[in-house]
């Protein structure tokens, strides 16, 4: 059996951008875990079999909306706390770029997101931690770029 080609933690970046016409993106420090969830909202309709009306019907599904969210957690890095608090305190969304660098291609999602949840916590004897959830505000544009050898 052939082994899969995988990517390391650092090949997946979540970056926040500056609020200017051409945002400058940087990845806040501190994440030890991060995820991108791409979701579809669907409506369902039962599609009857006209030739066999007593047979069980199949469910058809139509896409009504698309959404994305980013979740990240890790240590609260002093270098990044102002960046996260500024993004949370804004009423307008923050420019975001998510980059997944694979051996053969780079996949990039770019758009704007709101910091929907920001949790700072700590336990005695441990470090202060940060958990964030970002929710898309409109389309995230996906770009796939082949990696040239």
N, C-alpha and C. Protein backbone atom coordinates (compact mmCIF):
# COMPACT_ATOMS: atom_id res chain seq x y z
N UNK A 1 0.84 -1.18 0.00
CA UNK A 1 0.00 0.00 0.00
C UNK A 1 0.89 1.25 0.00
N UNK A 2 0.56 2.19 -0.85
CA UNK A 2 1.31 3.44 -0.92
C UNK A 2 0.92 4.35 0.25
N UNK A 3 1.90 5.04 0.77
CA UNK A 3 1.64 5.96 1.88
C UNK A 3 1.14 7.29 1.32
N UNK A 4 0.23 7.95 2.03
CA UNK A 4 -0.28 9.24 1.57
C UNK A 4 0.77 10.34 1.76
N UNK A 5 0.66 11.36 0.94
CA UNK A 5 1.48 12.55 1.11
C UNK A 5 0.73 13.47 2.06
N UNK A 6 1.33 13.84 3.15
CA UNK A 6 0.66 14.64 4.17
C UNK A 6 1.36 15.99 4.32
N UNK A 7 0.73 16.86 5.10
CA UNK A 7 1.29 18.19 5.37
C UNK A 7 1.43 18.36 6.88
N UNK A 8 2.41 19.14 7.28
CA UNK A 8 2.66 19.40 8.69
C UNK A 8 1.82 20.60 9.17
N UNK A 9 1.76 20.79 10.47
CA UNK A 9 0.97 21.85 11.11
C UNK A 9 1.26 23.22 10.50
N UNK A 10 2.52 23.52 10.28
CA UNK A 10 2.91 24.84 9.76
C UNK A 10 2.48 25.09 8.33
N UNK A 11 2.02 24.07 7.61
CA UNK A 11 1.58 24.23 6.23
C UNK A 11 0.15 24.76 6.15
N UNK A 12 -0.49 24.93 7.30
CA UNK A 12 -1.87 25.43 7.36
C UNK A 12 -1.84 26.72 8.17
N UNK A 13 -2.05 27.85 7.49
CA UNK A 13 -1.93 29.16 8.14
C UNK A 13 -3.27 29.89 8.14
N UNK A 14 -3.60 30.50 9.27
CA UNK A 14 -4.75 31.38 9.39
C UNK A 14 -4.18 32.78 9.63
N UNK A 15 -4.46 33.68 8.68
CA UNK A 15 -3.87 35.02 8.75
C UNK A 15 -4.96 36.09 8.78
N UNK A 16 -4.72 37.12 9.58
CA UNK A 16 -5.61 38.27 9.63
C UNK A 16 -4.97 39.41 8.85
N UNK A 17 -5.82 40.21 8.20
CA UNK A 17 -5.30 41.30 7.38
C UNK A 17 -5.60 42.66 7.97
N UNK A 18 -4.85 43.63 7.51
CA UNK A 18 -5.06 45.01 7.91
C UNK A 18 -6.28 45.56 7.18
N UNK A 19 -6.89 46.59 7.74
CA UNK A 19 -8.09 47.19 7.15
C UNK A 19 -7.70 48.29 6.17
N UNK A 20 -7.11 47.93 5.07
CA UNK A 20 -6.76 48.87 4.01
C UNK A 20 -7.19 48.26 2.68
N UNK A 21 -7.14 49.05 1.61
CA UNK A 21 -7.59 48.58 0.30
C UNK A 21 -6.88 47.29 -0.12
N UNK A 22 -5.59 47.21 0.10
CA UNK A 22 -4.82 46.00 -0.19
C UNK A 22 -4.27 45.48 1.13
N UNK A 23 -5.03 44.62 1.82
CA UNK A 23 -4.62 44.18 3.16
C UNK A 23 -3.25 43.49 3.18
N UNK A 24 -2.54 43.69 4.26
CA UNK A 24 -1.30 42.97 4.53
C UNK A 24 -1.67 41.91 5.56
N UNK A 25 -1.37 40.63 5.26
CA UNK A 25 -1.78 39.52 6.11
C UNK A 25 -0.62 39.00 6.94
N UNK A 26 -0.94 38.61 8.18
CA UNK A 26 0.04 37.93 9.03
C UNK A 26 -0.71 36.97 9.95
N UNK A 27 -0.02 35.90 10.33
CA UNK A 27 -0.61 34.88 11.19
C UNK A 27 -0.30 35.21 12.65
N UNK A 28 -1.34 35.50 13.45
CA UNK A 28 -1.10 35.73 14.86
C UNK A 28 -0.46 34.49 15.50
N UNK A 29 0.46 34.71 16.41
CA UNK A 29 1.20 33.63 17.06
C UNK A 29 0.37 33.01 18.17
N UNK A 30 0.58 31.71 18.42
CA UNK A 30 0.02 31.07 19.60
C UNK A 30 -0.86 29.86 19.35
N UNK A 31 -1.38 29.69 18.13
CA UNK A 31 -2.24 28.53 17.89
C UNK A 31 -1.47 27.22 18.05
N UNK A 32 -2.08 26.29 18.75
CA UNK A 32 -1.57 24.92 18.78
C UNK A 32 -2.56 23.98 18.10
N UNK A 33 -3.72 24.51 17.75
CA UNK A 33 -4.76 23.77 17.04
C UNK A 33 -5.56 24.77 16.23
N UNK A 34 -5.91 24.40 14.99
CA UNK A 34 -6.71 25.29 14.16
C UNK A 34 -7.47 24.47 13.14
N UNK A 35 -8.63 25.00 12.72
CA UNK A 35 -9.44 24.28 11.75
C UNK A 35 -10.22 25.25 10.88
N UNK A 36 -10.54 24.79 9.68
CA UNK A 36 -11.40 25.51 8.74
C UNK A 36 -12.58 24.59 8.45
N UNK A 37 -13.79 25.08 8.68
CA UNK A 37 -15.00 24.30 8.38
C UNK A 37 -15.75 25.01 7.27
N UNK A 38 -15.99 24.30 6.17
CA UNK A 38 -16.77 24.81 5.05
C UNK A 38 -18.13 24.10 5.11
N UNK A 39 -19.21 24.87 5.19
CA UNK A 39 -20.53 24.26 5.37
C UNK A 39 -21.51 24.74 4.31
N UNK A 40 -22.49 23.88 4.04
CA UNK A 40 -23.60 24.18 3.13
C UNK A 40 -24.90 24.04 3.91
N UNK A 41 -25.80 25.00 3.74
CA UNK A 41 -27.15 24.82 4.25
C UNK A 41 -27.97 24.26 3.11
N UNK A 42 -28.76 23.25 3.41
CA UNK A 42 -29.53 22.54 2.39
C UNK A 42 -31.01 22.56 2.72
N UNK A 43 -31.83 22.58 1.67
CA UNK A 43 -33.25 22.33 1.85
C UNK A 43 -33.52 20.94 1.29
N UNK A 44 -34.53 20.29 1.82
CA UNK A 44 -34.85 18.93 1.39
C UNK A 44 -36.24 18.89 0.79
N UNK A 45 -36.38 18.03 -0.20
CA UNK A 45 -37.67 17.79 -0.81
C UNK A 45 -37.77 16.30 -1.12
N UNK A 46 -38.93 15.72 -0.85
CA UNK A 46 -39.15 14.31 -1.15
C UNK A 46 -39.52 14.21 -2.62
N UNK A 47 -38.80 13.35 -3.36
CA UNK A 47 -39.04 13.18 -4.79
C UNK A 47 -39.71 11.81 -4.99
N UNK A 48 -40.99 11.82 -5.33
CA UNK A 48 -41.69 10.55 -5.48
C UNK A 48 -41.29 9.82 -6.76
N UNK A 49 -41.47 8.52 -6.75
CA UNK A 49 -41.27 7.70 -7.94
C UNK A 49 -42.62 7.60 -8.64
N UNK A 50 -42.76 8.26 -9.79
CA UNK A 50 -44.05 8.31 -10.48
C UNK A 50 -44.48 6.95 -11.00
N UNK A 51 -43.50 6.06 -11.26
CA UNK A 51 -43.85 4.73 -11.74
C UNK A 51 -44.19 3.77 -10.60
N UNK A 52 -43.77 4.09 -9.40
CA UNK A 52 -44.04 3.24 -8.24
C UNK A 52 -44.41 4.13 -7.06
N UNK A 53 -45.64 4.67 -7.06
CA UNK A 53 -46.02 5.65 -6.04
C UNK A 53 -46.01 5.13 -4.60
N UNK A 54 -46.04 3.80 -4.41
CA UNK A 54 -46.01 3.25 -3.05
C UNK A 54 -44.60 2.93 -2.58
N UNK A 55 -43.62 3.09 -3.47
CA UNK A 55 -42.23 2.82 -3.09
C UNK A 55 -41.71 3.97 -2.23
N UNK A 56 -40.69 3.66 -1.45
CA UNK A 56 -40.06 4.71 -0.64
C UNK A 56 -39.46 5.77 -1.57
N UNK A 57 -39.67 7.01 -1.22
CA UNK A 57 -39.15 8.11 -2.05
C UNK A 57 -37.77 8.51 -1.60
N UNK A 58 -36.99 8.98 -2.53
CA UNK A 58 -35.67 9.52 -2.21
C UNK A 58 -35.79 10.99 -1.86
N UNK A 59 -34.86 11.47 -1.04
CA UNK A 59 -34.83 12.88 -0.66
C UNK A 59 -33.88 13.60 -1.60
N UNK A 60 -34.35 14.69 -2.19
CA UNK A 60 -33.49 15.57 -2.99
C UNK A 60 -33.06 16.74 -2.12
N UNK A 61 -31.87 17.23 -2.36
CA UNK A 61 -31.35 18.34 -1.56
C UNK A 61 -30.84 19.45 -2.47
N UNK A 62 -31.14 20.68 -2.11
CA UNK A 62 -30.68 21.85 -2.84
C UNK A 62 -29.89 22.75 -1.90
N UNK A 63 -28.82 23.33 -2.41
CA UNK A 63 -27.98 24.22 -1.62
C UNK A 63 -28.66 25.59 -1.53
N UNK A 64 -28.82 26.09 -0.30
CA UNK A 64 -29.39 27.41 -0.11
C UNK A 64 -28.35 28.44 0.29
N UNK A 65 -27.27 28.02 0.94
CA UNK A 65 -26.22 28.97 1.33
C UNK A 65 -24.93 28.24 1.64
N UNK A 66 -23.84 28.98 1.57
CA UNK A 66 -22.51 28.48 1.92
C UNK A 66 -21.97 29.33 3.05
N UNK A 67 -21.15 28.73 3.89
CA UNK A 67 -20.57 29.45 5.01
C UNK A 67 -19.22 28.83 5.36
N UNK A 68 -18.43 29.57 6.09
CA UNK A 68 -17.13 29.07 6.54
C UNK A 68 -16.88 29.57 7.95
N UNK A 69 -16.16 28.75 8.71
CA UNK A 69 -15.74 29.19 10.04
C UNK A 69 -14.34 28.66 10.30
N UNK A 70 -13.63 29.41 11.11
CA UNK A 70 -12.29 29.03 11.54
C UNK A 70 -12.32 28.94 13.06
N UNK A 71 -11.76 27.87 13.59
CA UNK A 71 -11.60 27.73 15.03
C UNK A 71 -10.11 27.55 15.31
N UNK A 72 -9.66 28.21 16.34
CA UNK A 72 -8.26 28.07 16.73
C UNK A 72 -8.13 28.15 18.23
N UNK A 73 -7.15 27.42 18.73
CA UNK A 73 -6.87 27.50 20.17
C UNK A 73 -5.39 27.31 20.39
N UNK A 74 -4.95 27.80 21.52
CA UNK A 74 -3.54 27.68 21.87
C UNK A 74 -3.22 28.60 23.02
N UNK A 75 -1.96 28.96 23.10
CA UNK A 75 -1.54 29.86 24.17
C UNK A 75 -1.83 31.30 23.78
N UNK A 76 -2.08 32.13 24.77
CA UNK A 76 -2.29 33.54 24.52
C UNK A 76 -0.92 34.20 24.40
N UNK A 77 -0.51 34.45 23.17
CA UNK A 77 0.79 35.08 22.93
C UNK A 77 0.66 36.59 23.10
N UNK A 78 1.50 37.17 23.93
CA UNK A 78 1.45 38.61 24.16
C UNK A 78 1.58 39.38 22.85
N UNK A 79 2.33 38.82 21.90
CA UNK A 79 2.54 39.48 20.61
C UNK A 79 1.26 39.55 19.77
N UNK A 80 0.27 38.74 20.08
CA UNK A 80 -0.93 38.65 19.25
C UNK A 80 -2.21 39.10 19.95
N UNK A 81 -2.17 39.33 21.24
CA UNK A 81 -3.41 39.63 21.97
C UNK A 81 -4.08 40.90 21.45
N UNK A 82 -3.34 41.93 21.14
CA UNK A 82 -3.93 43.18 20.62
C UNK A 82 -4.58 42.94 19.27
N UNK A 83 -3.96 42.14 18.43
CA UNK A 83 -4.53 41.82 17.11
C UNK A 83 -5.89 41.15 17.26
N UNK A 84 -5.98 40.17 18.16
CA UNK A 84 -7.24 39.47 18.36
C UNK A 84 -8.30 40.37 18.98
N UNK A 85 -7.93 41.15 19.98
CA UNK A 85 -8.89 42.04 20.62
C UNK A 85 -9.39 43.11 19.66
N UNK A 86 -8.49 43.67 18.84
CA UNK A 86 -8.91 44.67 17.85
C UNK A 86 -9.90 44.07 16.87
N UNK A 87 -9.63 42.84 16.39
CA UNK A 87 -10.53 42.18 15.43
C UNK A 87 -11.88 41.90 16.10
N UNK A 88 -11.88 41.50 17.34
CA UNK A 88 -13.13 41.22 18.06
C UNK A 88 -13.94 42.50 18.26
N UNK A 89 -13.29 43.59 18.62
CA UNK A 89 -13.99 44.83 18.97
C UNK A 89 -14.54 45.59 17.76
N UNK A 90 -14.14 45.24 16.56
CA UNK A 90 -14.66 45.90 15.36
C UNK A 90 -16.09 45.46 15.06
N UNK A 91 -16.87 46.40 14.51
CA UNK A 91 -18.20 46.03 14.02
C UNK A 91 -18.14 45.58 12.57
N UNK A 92 -17.08 45.96 11.86
CA UNK A 92 -16.91 45.48 10.49
C UNK A 92 -16.04 44.23 10.50
N UNK A 93 -16.19 43.37 9.48
CA UNK A 93 -15.41 42.13 9.46
C UNK A 93 -13.93 42.40 9.18
N UNK A 94 -13.12 41.42 9.53
CA UNK A 94 -11.67 41.49 9.35
C UNK A 94 -11.25 40.72 8.10
N UNK A 95 -10.36 41.27 7.28
CA UNK A 95 -9.84 40.49 6.16
C UNK A 95 -9.10 39.26 6.68
N UNK A 96 -9.36 38.12 6.04
CA UNK A 96 -8.75 36.86 6.46
C UNK A 96 -8.24 36.12 5.24
N UNK A 97 -7.09 35.48 5.42
CA UNK A 97 -6.54 34.60 4.39
C UNK A 97 -6.14 33.30 5.07
N UNK A 98 -6.61 32.20 4.51
CA UNK A 98 -6.29 30.87 5.02
C UNK A 98 -5.51 30.16 3.92
N UNK A 99 -4.34 29.64 4.26
CA UNK A 99 -3.46 29.03 3.25
C UNK A 99 -3.11 27.61 3.68
N UNK A 100 -3.33 26.67 2.76
CA UNK A 100 -2.96 25.28 2.95
C UNK A 100 -1.92 24.94 1.88
N UNK A 101 -0.69 24.73 2.30
CA UNK A 101 0.41 24.46 1.37
C UNK A 101 0.67 22.96 1.33
N UNK A 102 0.39 22.38 0.18
CA UNK A 102 0.62 20.95 -0.03
C UNK A 102 1.82 20.77 -0.95
N UNK A 103 2.25 19.54 -1.12
CA UNK A 103 3.43 19.28 -1.95
C UNK A 103 3.20 19.68 -3.41
N UNK A 104 1.99 19.48 -3.92
CA UNK A 104 1.72 19.72 -5.33
C UNK A 104 0.96 21.01 -5.62
N UNK A 105 0.32 21.59 -4.59
CA UNK A 105 -0.48 22.80 -4.81
C UNK A 105 -0.66 23.56 -3.51
N UNK A 106 -1.02 24.83 -3.67
CA UNK A 106 -1.36 25.67 -2.54
C UNK A 106 -2.80 26.10 -2.70
N UNK A 107 -3.60 25.88 -1.65
CA UNK A 107 -5.01 26.27 -1.67
C UNK A 107 -5.16 27.46 -0.73
N UNK A 108 -5.75 28.53 -1.26
CA UNK A 108 -5.91 29.76 -0.49
C UNK A 108 -7.38 30.17 -0.49
N UNK A 109 -7.89 30.52 0.68
CA UNK A 109 -9.22 31.08 0.81
C UNK A 109 -9.05 32.51 1.32
N UNK A 110 -9.68 33.47 0.65
CA UNK A 110 -9.56 34.87 1.02
C UNK A 110 -10.95 35.49 1.11
N UNK A 111 -11.16 36.27 2.15
CA UNK A 111 -12.45 36.95 2.33
C UNK A 111 -12.43 37.74 3.61
N UNK A 112 -13.60 37.98 4.16
CA UNK A 112 -13.69 38.68 5.44
C UNK A 112 -14.49 37.83 6.42
N UNK A 113 -14.12 37.94 7.70
CA UNK A 113 -14.77 37.16 8.74
C UNK A 113 -14.90 38.02 10.00
N UNK A 114 -15.90 37.67 10.79
CA UNK A 114 -16.05 38.28 12.11
C UNK A 114 -15.45 37.36 13.16
N UNK A 115 -14.81 37.93 14.16
CA UNK A 115 -14.42 37.16 15.33
C UNK A 115 -15.70 37.00 16.15
N UNK A 116 -16.32 35.84 16.03
CA UNK A 116 -17.62 35.59 16.66
C UNK A 116 -17.48 35.25 18.13
N UNK A 117 -16.41 34.57 18.49
CA UNK A 117 -16.17 34.19 19.89
C UNK A 117 -14.68 34.32 20.17
N UNK A 118 -14.38 34.85 21.33
CA UNK A 118 -13.00 34.96 21.79
C UNK A 118 -13.01 34.62 23.28
N UNK A 119 -12.33 33.57 23.64
CA UNK A 119 -12.30 33.12 25.03
C UNK A 119 -10.86 33.07 25.51
N UNK A 120 -10.62 33.69 26.63
CA UNK A 120 -9.31 33.66 27.28
C UNK A 120 -9.51 32.89 28.59
N UNK A 121 -8.71 31.84 28.79
CA UNK A 121 -8.86 31.06 30.01
C UNK A 121 -7.51 30.59 30.52
N UNK A 122 -7.50 30.15 31.75
CA UNK A 122 -6.27 29.65 32.38
C UNK A 122 -6.63 28.76 33.55
N UNK A 123 -5.73 27.84 33.85
CA UNK A 123 -5.85 27.02 35.05
C UNK A 123 -4.61 27.20 35.88
N UNK A 124 -4.77 27.09 37.18
CA UNK A 124 -3.64 27.25 38.08
C UNK A 124 -2.54 26.27 37.70
N UNK A 125 -1.33 26.77 37.66
CA UNK A 125 -0.18 25.94 37.31
C UNK A 125 0.05 25.86 35.80
N UNK A 126 -0.81 26.51 35.01
CA UNK A 126 -0.68 26.45 33.56
C UNK A 126 -0.52 27.83 32.94
N UNK A 127 -0.67 27.87 31.66
CA UNK A 127 -0.54 29.11 30.90
C UNK A 127 -1.92 29.67 30.57
N UNK A 128 -1.94 30.93 30.21
CA UNK A 128 -3.17 31.55 29.72
C UNK A 128 -3.38 31.08 28.29
N UNK A 129 -4.61 30.67 27.98
CA UNK A 129 -4.94 30.14 26.66
C UNK A 129 -5.93 31.06 25.95
N UNK A 130 -5.99 30.89 24.64
CA UNK A 130 -6.89 31.66 23.80
C UNK A 130 -7.65 30.68 22.90
N UNK A 131 -8.95 30.86 22.81
CA UNK A 131 -9.79 30.13 21.86
C UNK A 131 -10.55 31.16 21.05
N UNK A 132 -10.52 31.03 19.72
CA UNK A 132 -11.25 31.97 18.87
C UNK A 132 -12.07 31.21 17.84
N UNK A 133 -13.18 31.83 17.45
CA UNK A 133 -13.99 31.33 16.36
C UNK A 133 -14.28 32.50 15.44
N UNK A 134 -13.98 32.32 14.17
CA UNK A 134 -14.27 33.32 13.15
C UNK A 134 -15.37 32.78 12.25
N UNK A 135 -16.30 33.65 11.86
CA UNK A 135 -17.41 33.27 10.98
C UNK A 135 -17.38 34.15 9.75
N UNK A 136 -17.55 33.53 8.59
CA UNK A 136 -17.47 34.26 7.32
C UNK A 136 -18.59 35.29 7.22
N UNK A 137 -18.28 36.38 6.52
CA UNK A 137 -19.25 37.42 6.19
C UNK A 137 -19.20 37.56 4.68
N UNK A 138 -19.97 36.76 3.99
CA UNK A 138 -19.92 36.73 2.54
C UNK A 138 -18.99 35.64 2.05
N UNK A 139 -18.64 35.74 0.79
CA UNK A 139 -17.89 34.69 0.10
C UNK A 139 -16.43 34.64 0.52
N UNK A 140 -15.92 33.42 0.68
CA UNK A 140 -14.49 33.19 0.75
C UNK A 140 -14.08 32.69 -0.63
N UNK A 141 -13.19 33.40 -1.27
CA UNK A 141 -12.74 33.03 -2.62
C UNK A 141 -11.62 32.01 -2.49
N UNK A 142 -11.80 30.88 -3.16
CA UNK A 142 -10.80 29.80 -3.12
C UNK A 142 -9.95 29.87 -4.39
N UNK A 143 -8.64 29.79 -4.20
CA UNK A 143 -7.69 29.77 -5.30
C UNK A 143 -6.76 28.59 -5.12
N UNK A 144 -6.56 27.81 -6.19
CA UNK A 144 -5.63 26.69 -6.15
C UNK A 144 -4.50 26.99 -7.11
N UNK A 145 -3.28 27.01 -6.58
CA UNK A 145 -2.10 27.33 -7.36
C UNK A 145 -1.15 26.13 -7.36
N UNK A 146 -0.82 25.59 -8.54
CA UNK A 146 0.13 24.48 -8.59
C UNK A 146 1.50 24.92 -8.07
N UNK A 147 2.18 24.02 -7.36
CA UNK A 147 3.52 24.30 -6.89
C UNK A 147 4.47 23.93 -8.01
N UNK A 148 5.33 24.87 -8.39
CA UNK A 148 6.31 24.58 -9.44
C UNK A 148 7.58 24.02 -8.82
N UNK A 149 8.12 22.96 -9.43
CA UNK A 149 9.30 22.33 -8.84
C UNK A 149 10.53 23.20 -8.89
